[in-house]
Amino acid sequence: MAGRLDDGQIAGTAVTWLSHDLLTLYFIGSQPEHRRRGIGTAMTRAALDLARERGIRTAALTATAAGESVYRGIGFRAVDTFDLMSF
């Protein structure tokens, strides 16, 4: 999904996967110059609306600390944590 401004510029994106009665959300974000304007929230809500239209009532996502408050505000709750490591 791509969120565009009135001038057509992409301000945010979300990768969504609809499968087995589950919506999984990945890589929800906005361009740095457009952060803190509700774009991440709008992208998440759009994905949830799309899932609801298809009869899906369960969603899952992985959030960074920066996005956690956004998702909690929408109604998500943490069920586990993990450490991301690079090599």
N, C-alpha and C. Protein backbone atom coordinates (compact mmCIF):
# COMPACT_ATOMS: atom_id res chain seq x y z
N MET A 1 0.85 -1.16 0.00
CA MET A 1 0.00 0.00 0.00
C MET A 1 0.90 1.23 0.00
N ALA A 2 0.46 2.28 -0.68
CA ALA A 2 1.20 3.54 -0.70
C ALA A 2 0.24 4.67 -0.36
N GLY A 3 0.63 5.49 0.59
CA GLY A 3 -0.15 6.66 0.94
C GLY A 3 0.41 7.87 0.21
N ARG A 4 -0.43 8.52 -0.56
CA ARG A 4 0.02 9.66 -1.36
C ARG A 4 -0.60 10.96 -0.86
N LEU A 5 0.16 12.02 -0.99
CA LEU A 5 -0.34 13.35 -0.69
C LEU A 5 -1.15 13.85 -1.88
N ASP A 6 -1.82 14.97 -1.72
CA ASP A 6 -2.64 15.52 -2.81
C ASP A 6 -1.83 15.76 -4.08
N ASP A 7 -0.54 16.06 -3.93
CA ASP A 7 0.30 16.31 -5.11
C ASP A 7 0.87 15.03 -5.73
N GLY A 8 0.46 13.85 -5.18
CA GLY A 8 0.91 12.57 -5.72
C GLY A 8 2.17 12.02 -5.08
N GLN A 9 2.83 12.80 -4.26
CA GLN A 9 4.06 12.36 -3.60
C GLN A 9 3.74 11.25 -2.59
N ILE A 10 4.53 10.17 -2.61
CA ILE A 10 4.33 9.09 -1.65
C ILE A 10 4.85 9.54 -0.29
N ALA A 11 3.97 9.48 0.72
CA ALA A 11 4.32 9.92 2.06
C ALA A 11 4.50 8.74 3.01
N GLY A 12 3.90 7.61 2.70
CA GLY A 12 4.01 6.45 3.57
C GLY A 12 3.70 5.17 2.84
N THR A 13 4.15 4.06 3.41
CA THR A 13 3.91 2.75 2.80
C THR A 13 3.61 1.72 3.89
N ALA A 14 2.98 0.65 3.48
CA ALA A 14 2.73 -0.50 4.35
C ALA A 14 2.65 -1.74 3.47
N VAL A 15 3.35 -2.78 3.87
CA VAL A 15 3.25 -4.06 3.19
C VAL A 15 2.22 -4.87 3.97
N THR A 16 1.22 -5.38 3.27
CA THR A 16 0.16 -6.16 3.92
C THR A 16 0.07 -7.53 3.29
N TRP A 17 -0.24 -8.49 4.11
CA TRP A 17 -0.41 -9.85 3.64
C TRP A 17 -1.72 -10.37 4.21
N LEU A 18 -2.64 -10.75 3.34
CA LEU A 18 -3.92 -11.31 3.74
C LEU A 18 -3.93 -12.79 3.42
N SER A 19 -3.96 -13.63 4.45
CA SER A 19 -3.90 -15.06 4.22
C SER A 19 -4.43 -15.80 5.45
N HIS A 20 -5.20 -16.85 5.20
CA HIS A 20 -5.69 -17.72 6.28
C HIS A 20 -6.41 -16.93 7.37
N ASP A 21 -7.26 -16.01 6.96
CA ASP A 21 -8.05 -15.20 7.89
C ASP A 21 -7.20 -14.36 8.82
N LEU A 22 -6.04 -13.94 8.35
CA LEU A 22 -5.14 -13.11 9.14
C LEU A 22 -4.56 -12.01 8.26
N LEU A 23 -4.57 -10.80 8.77
CA LEU A 23 -3.86 -9.68 8.15
C LEU A 23 -2.52 -9.54 8.86
N THR A 24 -1.44 -9.60 8.12
CA THR A 24 -0.12 -9.36 8.70
C THR A 24 0.43 -8.09 8.08
N LEU A 25 0.91 -7.20 8.92
CA LEU A 25 1.43 -5.89 8.50
C LEU A 25 2.94 -5.86 8.67
N TYR A 26 3.61 -5.36 7.64
CA TYR A 26 5.07 -5.25 7.66
C TYR A 26 5.48 -3.85 7.20
N PHE A 27 6.56 -3.39 7.70
CA PHE A 27 7.23 -2.19 7.18
C PHE A 27 6.31 -0.98 7.01
N ILE A 28 5.53 -0.71 8.03
CA ILE A 28 4.69 0.49 8.00
C ILE A 28 5.57 1.68 8.33
N GLY A 29 5.53 2.67 7.50
CA GLY A 29 6.37 3.83 7.76
C GLY A 29 6.02 5.01 6.89
N SER A 30 6.63 6.12 7.22
CA SER A 30 6.44 7.33 6.43
C SER A 30 7.79 7.95 6.14
N GLN A 31 7.82 8.75 5.11
CA GLN A 31 9.04 9.45 4.75
C GLN A 31 9.44 10.37 5.91
N PRO A 32 10.73 10.51 6.16
CA PRO A 32 11.18 11.32 7.31
C PRO A 32 10.56 12.72 7.36
N GLU A 33 10.41 13.36 6.22
CA GLU A 33 9.87 14.72 6.21
C GLU A 33 8.36 14.76 6.48
N HIS A 34 7.72 13.59 6.53
CA HIS A 34 6.27 13.54 6.76
C HIS A 34 5.91 12.84 8.07
N ARG A 35 6.89 12.56 8.91
CA ARG A 35 6.61 11.85 10.16
C ARG A 35 5.90 12.75 11.16
N ARG A 36 5.21 12.08 12.08
CA ARG A 36 4.47 12.74 13.17
C ARG A 36 3.28 13.54 12.65
N ARG A 37 2.71 13.06 11.53
CA ARG A 37 1.53 13.71 10.95
C ARG A 37 0.35 12.74 10.84
N GLY A 38 0.47 11.56 11.44
CA GLY A 38 -0.62 10.59 11.40
C GLY A 38 -0.63 9.68 10.20
N ILE A 39 0.43 9.72 9.40
CA ILE A 39 0.46 8.91 8.18
C ILE A 39 0.56 7.43 8.51
N GLY A 40 1.42 7.07 9.47
CA GLY A 40 1.53 5.66 9.88
C GLY A 40 0.20 5.13 10.42
N THR A 41 -0.47 5.95 11.19
CA THR A 41 -1.79 5.57 11.71
C THR A 41 -2.77 5.39 10.56
N ALA A 42 -2.78 6.31 9.62
CA ALA A 42 -3.69 6.22 8.47
C ALA A 42 -3.39 4.98 7.63
N MET A 43 -2.12 4.66 7.43
CA MET A 43 -1.76 3.48 6.65
C MET A 43 -2.22 2.21 7.36
N THR A 44 -2.04 2.17 8.68
CA THR A 44 -2.46 1.00 9.45
C THR A 44 -3.97 0.85 9.41
N ARG A 45 -4.69 1.94 9.61
CA ARG A 45 -6.16 1.89 9.57
C ARG A 45 -6.67 1.48 8.19
N ALA A 46 -6.02 1.94 7.13
CA ALA A 46 -6.42 1.56 5.77
C ALA A 46 -6.25 0.06 5.57
N ALA A 47 -5.16 -0.49 6.07
CA ALA A 47 -4.93 -1.93 5.95
C ALA A 47 -5.98 -2.71 6.76
N LEU A 48 -6.30 -2.23 7.95
CA LEU A 48 -7.33 -2.88 8.77
C LEU A 48 -8.69 -2.81 8.08
N ASP A 49 -9.01 -1.68 7.47
CA ASP A 49 -10.28 -1.53 6.74
C ASP A 49 -10.34 -2.51 5.57
N LEU A 50 -9.24 -2.64 4.83
CA LEU A 50 -9.18 -3.58 3.71
C LEU A 50 -9.43 -5.01 4.19
N ALA A 51 -8.80 -5.36 5.30
CA ALA A 51 -8.99 -6.71 5.85
C ALA A 51 -10.45 -6.92 6.27
N ARG A 52 -11.03 -5.94 6.94
CA ARG A 52 -12.44 -6.05 7.37
C ARG A 52 -13.36 -6.25 6.18
N GLU A 53 -13.09 -5.53 5.08
CA GLU A 53 -13.91 -5.68 3.87
C GLU A 53 -13.87 -7.10 3.33
N ARG A 54 -12.80 -7.80 3.63
CA ARG A 54 -12.64 -9.19 3.17
C ARG A 54 -12.99 -10.20 4.25
N GLY A 55 -13.58 -9.71 5.35
CA GLY A 55 -14.03 -10.60 6.42
C GLY A 55 -12.96 -11.03 7.40
N ILE A 56 -11.80 -10.43 7.33
CA ILE A 56 -10.71 -10.79 8.24
C ILE A 56 -10.84 -9.96 9.51
N ARG A 57 -10.75 -10.63 10.66
CA ARG A 57 -10.93 -9.97 11.94
C ARG A 57 -9.71 -10.06 12.85
N THR A 58 -8.62 -10.63 12.36
CA THR A 58 -7.41 -10.78 13.17
C THR A 58 -6.23 -10.19 12.41
N ALA A 59 -5.41 -9.42 13.13
CA ALA A 59 -4.24 -8.78 12.51
C ALA A 59 -3.03 -8.97 13.40
N ALA A 60 -1.87 -9.02 12.77
CA ALA A 60 -0.60 -9.14 13.48
C ALA A 60 0.41 -8.21 12.85
N LEU A 61 1.32 -7.69 13.65
CA LEU A 61 2.39 -6.86 13.13
C LEU A 61 3.59 -6.93 14.06
N THR A 62 4.71 -6.50 13.55
CA THR A 62 5.93 -6.35 14.34
C THR A 62 6.22 -4.86 14.38
N ALA A 63 6.41 -4.32 15.58
CA ALA A 63 6.59 -2.88 15.72
C ALA A 63 7.94 -2.56 16.34
N THR A 64 8.49 -1.45 15.94
CA THR A 64 9.66 -0.91 16.62
C THR A 64 9.18 -0.09 17.81
N ALA A 65 10.09 0.29 18.66
CA ALA A 65 9.72 1.13 19.80
C ALA A 65 9.12 2.44 19.33
N ALA A 66 9.60 2.96 18.20
CA ALA A 66 9.10 4.24 17.68
C ALA A 66 7.63 4.15 17.27
N GLY A 67 7.19 2.99 16.80
CA GLY A 67 5.82 2.86 16.34
C GLY A 67 4.87 2.23 17.35
N GLU A 68 5.41 1.76 18.44
CA GLU A 68 4.58 1.02 19.40
C GLU A 68 3.39 1.83 19.91
N SER A 69 3.58 3.08 20.23
CA SER A 69 2.47 3.88 20.76
C SER A 69 1.37 4.08 19.71
N VAL A 70 1.75 4.16 18.45
CA VAL A 70 0.76 4.28 17.37
C VAL A 70 -0.15 3.06 17.37
N TYR A 71 0.46 1.88 17.41
CA TYR A 71 -0.31 0.64 17.32
C TYR A 71 -1.13 0.40 18.58
N ARG A 72 -0.59 0.73 19.73
CA ARG A 72 -1.36 0.61 20.97
C ARG A 72 -2.59 1.53 20.92
N GLY A 73 -2.41 2.72 20.37
CA GLY A 73 -3.52 3.66 20.25
C GLY A 73 -4.63 3.16 19.34
N ILE A 74 -4.29 2.32 18.38
CA ILE A 74 -5.28 1.74 17.47
C ILE A 74 -5.96 0.54 18.12
N GLY A 75 -5.31 -0.06 19.11
CA GLY A 75 -5.91 -1.20 19.79
C GLY A 75 -5.07 -2.46 19.80
N PHE A 76 -3.91 -2.43 19.18
CA PHE A 76 -3.03 -3.60 19.23
C PHE A 76 -2.45 -3.73 20.64
N ARG A 77 -2.07 -4.94 20.98
CA ARG A 77 -1.39 -5.16 22.26
C ARG A 77 -0.20 -6.08 22.03
N ALA A 78 0.82 -5.89 22.83
CA ALA A 78 2.02 -6.71 22.72
C ALA A 78 1.73 -8.11 23.24
N VAL A 79 2.18 -9.12 22.50
CA VAL A 79 2.03 -10.50 22.94
C VAL A 79 3.38 -11.18 23.15
N ASP A 80 4.44 -10.58 22.63
CA ASP A 80 5.78 -11.13 22.82
C ASP A 80 6.80 -10.09 22.35
N THR A 81 8.04 -10.33 22.65
CA THR A 81 9.12 -9.48 22.19
C THR A 81 10.24 -10.35 21.64
N PHE A 82 11.07 -9.75 20.80
CA PHE A 82 12.26 -10.44 20.31
C PHE A 82 13.34 -9.42 20.06
N ASP A 83 14.56 -9.90 20.02
CA ASP A 83 15.72 -9.06 19.74
C ASP A 83 16.10 -9.22 18.28
N LEU A 84 16.31 -8.12 17.61
CA LEU A 84 16.75 -8.12 16.23
C LEU A 84 18.26 -7.97 16.23
N MET A 85 18.93 -8.87 15.56
CA MET A 85 20.39 -8.85 15.55
C MET A 85 20.88 -8.81 14.12
N SER A 86 22.01 -8.21 13.93
CA SER A 86 22.61 -8.19 12.60
C SER A 86 24.01 -8.77 12.69
N PHE A 87 24.52 -9.19 11.57
CA PHE A 87 25.87 -9.75 11.54
C PHE A 87 26.56 -9.38 10.26
